[in-house]
Every structure is written in structure tokens, then in C-alpha cells.
C-alpha atoms as a PDB file:
ATOM      1  CA  MET A   1     -48.291 -14.598  41.095  1.00  0.00           C
ATOM      2  CA  SER A   2     -46.771 -13.542  37.812  1.00  0.00           C
ATOM      3  CA  ALA A   3     -47.888 -10.553  35.768  1.00  0.00           C
ATOM      4  CA  VAL A   4     -50.258 -12.761  33.741  1.00  0.00           C
ATOM      5  CA  GLY A   5     -51.909 -14.198  36.850  1.00  0.00           C
ATOM      6  CA  GLU A   6     -50.113 -17.548  36.784  1.00  0.00           C
ATOM      7  CA  PRO A   7     -48.521 -18.785  40.023  1.00  0.00           C
ATOM      8  CA  ALA A   8     -44.741 -18.945  40.156  1.00  0.00           C
ATOM      9  CA  GLY A   9     -43.352 -22.286  38.966  1.00  0.00           C
ATOM     10  CA  SER A  10     -42.940 -23.750  42.423  1.00  0.00           C
ATOM     11  CA  GLU A  11     -46.594 -23.028  43.235  1.00  0.00           C
ATOM     12  CA  LEU A  12     -48.337 -24.681  40.262  1.00  0.00           C
ATOM     13  CA  ARG A  13     -50.551 -27.480  41.527  1.00  0.00           C
ATOM     14  CA  ALA A  14     -50.087 -31.038  40.285  1.00  0.00           C
ATOM     15  CA  SER A  15     -53.021 -33.054  38.954  1.00  0.00           C
ATOM     16  CA  ASP A  16     -53.732 -36.734  39.531  1.00  0.00           C
ATOM     17  CA  GLU A  17     -52.585 -37.318  35.944  1.00  0.00           C
ATOM     18  CA  ASP A  18     -49.279 -35.544  36.661  1.00  0.00           C
ATOM     19  CA  ARG A  19     -48.718 -37.726  39.744  1.00  0.00           C
ATOM     20  CA  GLU A  20     -49.603 -40.928  37.849  1.00  0.00           C
ATOM     21  CA  ARG A  21     -47.294 -40.006  34.959  1.00  0.00           C
ATOM     22  CA  THR A  22     -44.428 -39.354  37.381  1.00  0.00           C
ATOM     23  CA  ALA A  23     -45.103 -42.674  39.121  1.00  0.00           C
ATOM     24  CA  MET A  24     -44.934 -44.461  35.766  1.00  0.00           C
ATOM     25  CA  ILE A  25     -41.601 -42.784  35.001  1.00  0.00           C
ATOM     26  CA  LEU A  26     -40.213 -43.762  38.413  1.00  0.00           C
ATOM     27  CA  THR A  27     -41.471 -47.340  38.046  1.00  0.00           C
ATOM     28  CA  GLY A  28     -39.725 -47.603  34.690  1.00  0.00           C
ATOM     29  CA  HIS A  29     -36.451 -46.384  36.159  1.00  0.00           C
ATOM     30  CA  GLY A  30     -36.834 -48.827  39.044  1.00  0.00           C
ATOM     31  CA  ALA A  31     -37.385 -51.688  36.603  1.00  0.00           C
ATOM     32  CA  ALA A  32     -34.304 -50.567  34.648  1.00  0.00           C
ATOM     33  CA  GLY A  33     -32.206 -50.746  37.843  1.00  0.00           C
ATOM     34  CA  ARG A  34     -31.549 -47.016  38.125  1.00  0.00           C
ATOM     35  CA  LEU A  35     -33.340 -46.844  41.478  1.00  0.00           C
ATOM     36  CA  GLU A  36     -32.985 -49.291  44.347  1.00  0.00           C
ATOM     37  CA  PRO A  37     -36.348 -50.783  45.366  1.00  0.00           C
ATOM     38  CA  ASP A  38     -36.512 -48.838  48.652  1.00  0.00           C
ATOM     39  CA  GLU A  39     -35.599 -45.544  46.970  1.00  0.00           C
ATOM     40  CA  CYS A  40     -38.158 -46.172  44.228  1.00  0.00           C
ATOM     41  CA  ALA A  41     -40.812 -46.853  46.884  1.00  0.00           C
ATOM     42  CA  ARG A  42     -39.952 -43.622  48.731  1.00  0.00           C
ATOM     43  CA  ARG A  43     -40.125 -41.614  45.516  1.00  0.00           C
ATOM     44  CA  LEU A  44     -43.435 -43.209  44.545  1.00  0.00           C
ATOM     45  CA  GLU A  45     -44.898 -42.327  47.935  1.00  0.00           C
ATOM     46  CA  ALA A  46     -43.657 -38.760  47.506  1.00  0.00           C
ATOM     47  CA  ALA A  47     -45.103 -38.610  43.980  1.00  0.00           C
ATOM     48  CA  PHE A  48     -48.575 -39.570  45.133  1.00  0.00           C
ATOM     49  CA  SER A  49     -48.468 -37.034  47.974  1.00  0.00           C
ATOM     50  CA  ALA A  50     -46.951 -34.195  45.901  1.00  0.00           C
ATOM     51  CA  ARG A  51     -49.005 -31.034  45.717  1.00  0.00           C
ATOM     52  CA  THR A  52     -46.981 -29.058  43.173  1.00  0.00           C
ATOM     53  CA  LEU A  53     -45.355 -29.703  39.806  1.00  0.00           C
ATOM     54  CA  ILE A  54     -41.941 -28.708  41.103  1.00  0.00           C
ATOM     55  CA  GLU A  55     -42.191 -31.440  43.765  1.00  0.00           C
ATOM     56  CA  LEU A  56     -42.815 -33.974  40.994  1.00  0.00           C
ATOM     57  CA  TYR A  57     -39.966 -32.603  38.898  1.00  0.00           C
ATOM     58  CA  ALA A  58     -37.552 -32.992  41.815  1.00  0.00           C
ATOM     59  CA  LEU A  59     -38.354 -36.724  41.996  1.00  0.00           C
ATOM     60  CA  THR A  60     -37.083 -37.333  38.454  1.00  0.00           C
ATOM     61  CA  ALA A  61     -34.512 -34.538  37.997  1.00  0.00           C
ATOM     62  CA  ASP A  62     -31.529 -36.874  38.504  1.00  0.00           C
ATOM     63  CA  LEU A  63     -32.798 -39.559  36.107  1.00  0.00           C
ATOM     64  CA  PRO A  64     -32.269 -39.853  32.336  1.00  0.00           C
ATOM     65  CA  TYR A  65     -34.971 -38.670  29.989  1.00  0.00           C
ATOM     66  CA  PRO A  66     -38.083 -40.843  30.485  1.00  0.00           C
ATOM     67  CA  ASP A  67     -39.057 -41.844  26.945  1.00  0.00           C
ATOM     68  CA  ALA A  68     -36.614 -44.744  26.995  1.00  0.00           C
ATOM     69  CA  VAL A  69     -38.091 -46.248  30.157  1.00  0.00           C
ATOM     70  CA  VAL A  70     -41.771 -45.329  30.276  1.00  0.00           C
ATOM     71  CA  PRO A  71     -43.894 -48.409  29.543  1.00  0.00           C
ATOM     72  CA  GLY A  72     -45.704 -47.891  26.254  1.00  0.00           C
ATOM     73  CA  GLY A  73     -43.535 -44.886  25.370  1.00  0.00           C
ATOM     74  CA  GLY A  74     -42.828 -45.349  21.683  1.00  0.00           C
ATOM     75  CA  ALA A  75     -41.103 -43.069  19.240  1.00  0.00           C
ATOM     76  CA  GLY A  76     -42.006 -39.418  19.190  1.00  0.00           C
ATOM     77  CA  ARG A  77     -42.989 -37.046  21.938  1.00  0.00           C
ATOM     78  CA  SER A  78     -45.038 -38.286  24.869  1.00  0.00           C
ATOM     79  CA  ARG A  79     -47.339 -36.383  27.212  1.00  0.00           C
ATOM     80  CA  GLY A  80     -44.811 -37.044  29.975  1.00  0.00           C
ATOM     81  CA  GLU A  81     -42.191 -35.314  27.879  1.00  0.00           C
ATOM     82  CA  SER A  82     -44.285 -32.170  27.654  1.00  0.00           C
ATOM     83  CA  LEU A  83     -44.767 -32.193  31.442  1.00  0.00           C
ATOM     84  CA  LEU A  84     -41.038 -32.476  32.009  1.00  0.00           C
ATOM     85  CA  ALA A  85     -40.340 -29.712  29.483  1.00  0.00           C
ATOM     86  CA  ARG A  86     -42.818 -27.449  31.282  1.00  0.00           C
ATOM     87  CA  LEU A  87     -41.315 -28.289  34.663  1.00  0.00           C
ATOM     88  CA  ALA A  88     -37.791 -27.610  33.375  1.00  0.00           C
ATOM     89  CA  HIS A  89     -38.970 -24.232  32.117  1.00  0.00           C
ATOM     90  CA  LEU A  90     -40.584 -23.429  35.449  1.00  0.00           C
ATOM     91  CA  ARG A  91     -37.479 -24.491  37.335  1.00  0.00           C
ATOM     92  CA  SER A  92     -35.332 -22.174  35.220  1.00  0.00           C
ATOM     93  CA  ARG A  93     -37.566 -19.246  36.240  1.00  0.00           C
ATOM     94  CA  LYS A  94     -36.742 -19.685  39.963  1.00  0.00           C
END
């Protein structure tokens, strides 16, 4: 745990909403052709079984920023964007 009582970045637990948001991002990238169908399916399975935020981050780390591919993601900042920003910050603390 950190000095303020927060778990280290790799230990923060993912919520159902975090897993669903990651699945939506992956689905968008699959639809855009960035992921082969079998790879997309494997990543989706991993997303729904992920226990930590860093596990979810790893599933999208090699993909372009999600706002362009997330269904319903219009202009401006999305909630998925804030999750990815938080995960990037946590990853940099490793």
C-alpha cells in the first residue's frame, strides 16, 4: 500500500463498469479491423475476467486512443478516457 493507504497501481481492483468499458473499446477496435476476430475474442474474455485495472490497461495498451472507435464516443472527454488516463498514471508508478 502507498503512504496514503491506496494500493499500488497493479493492485487496484477493477469494477464491472471498468470491464464493460474496456470491452466496448476492444469491440470498437475489432470492428475497425485493428484486432483479428480471434484476438478480439481472447481479449474480451480476459477483460471480463480481469481483477485489476492494470490487467484491463494491458488489453488496450497497444491500441490507438479509444475516443475514435468507442460507439457513442462523441467530441470531448469520455469516461473511458479518464480510466485510461488513470491507468497510464498508475503504470508509470511501477
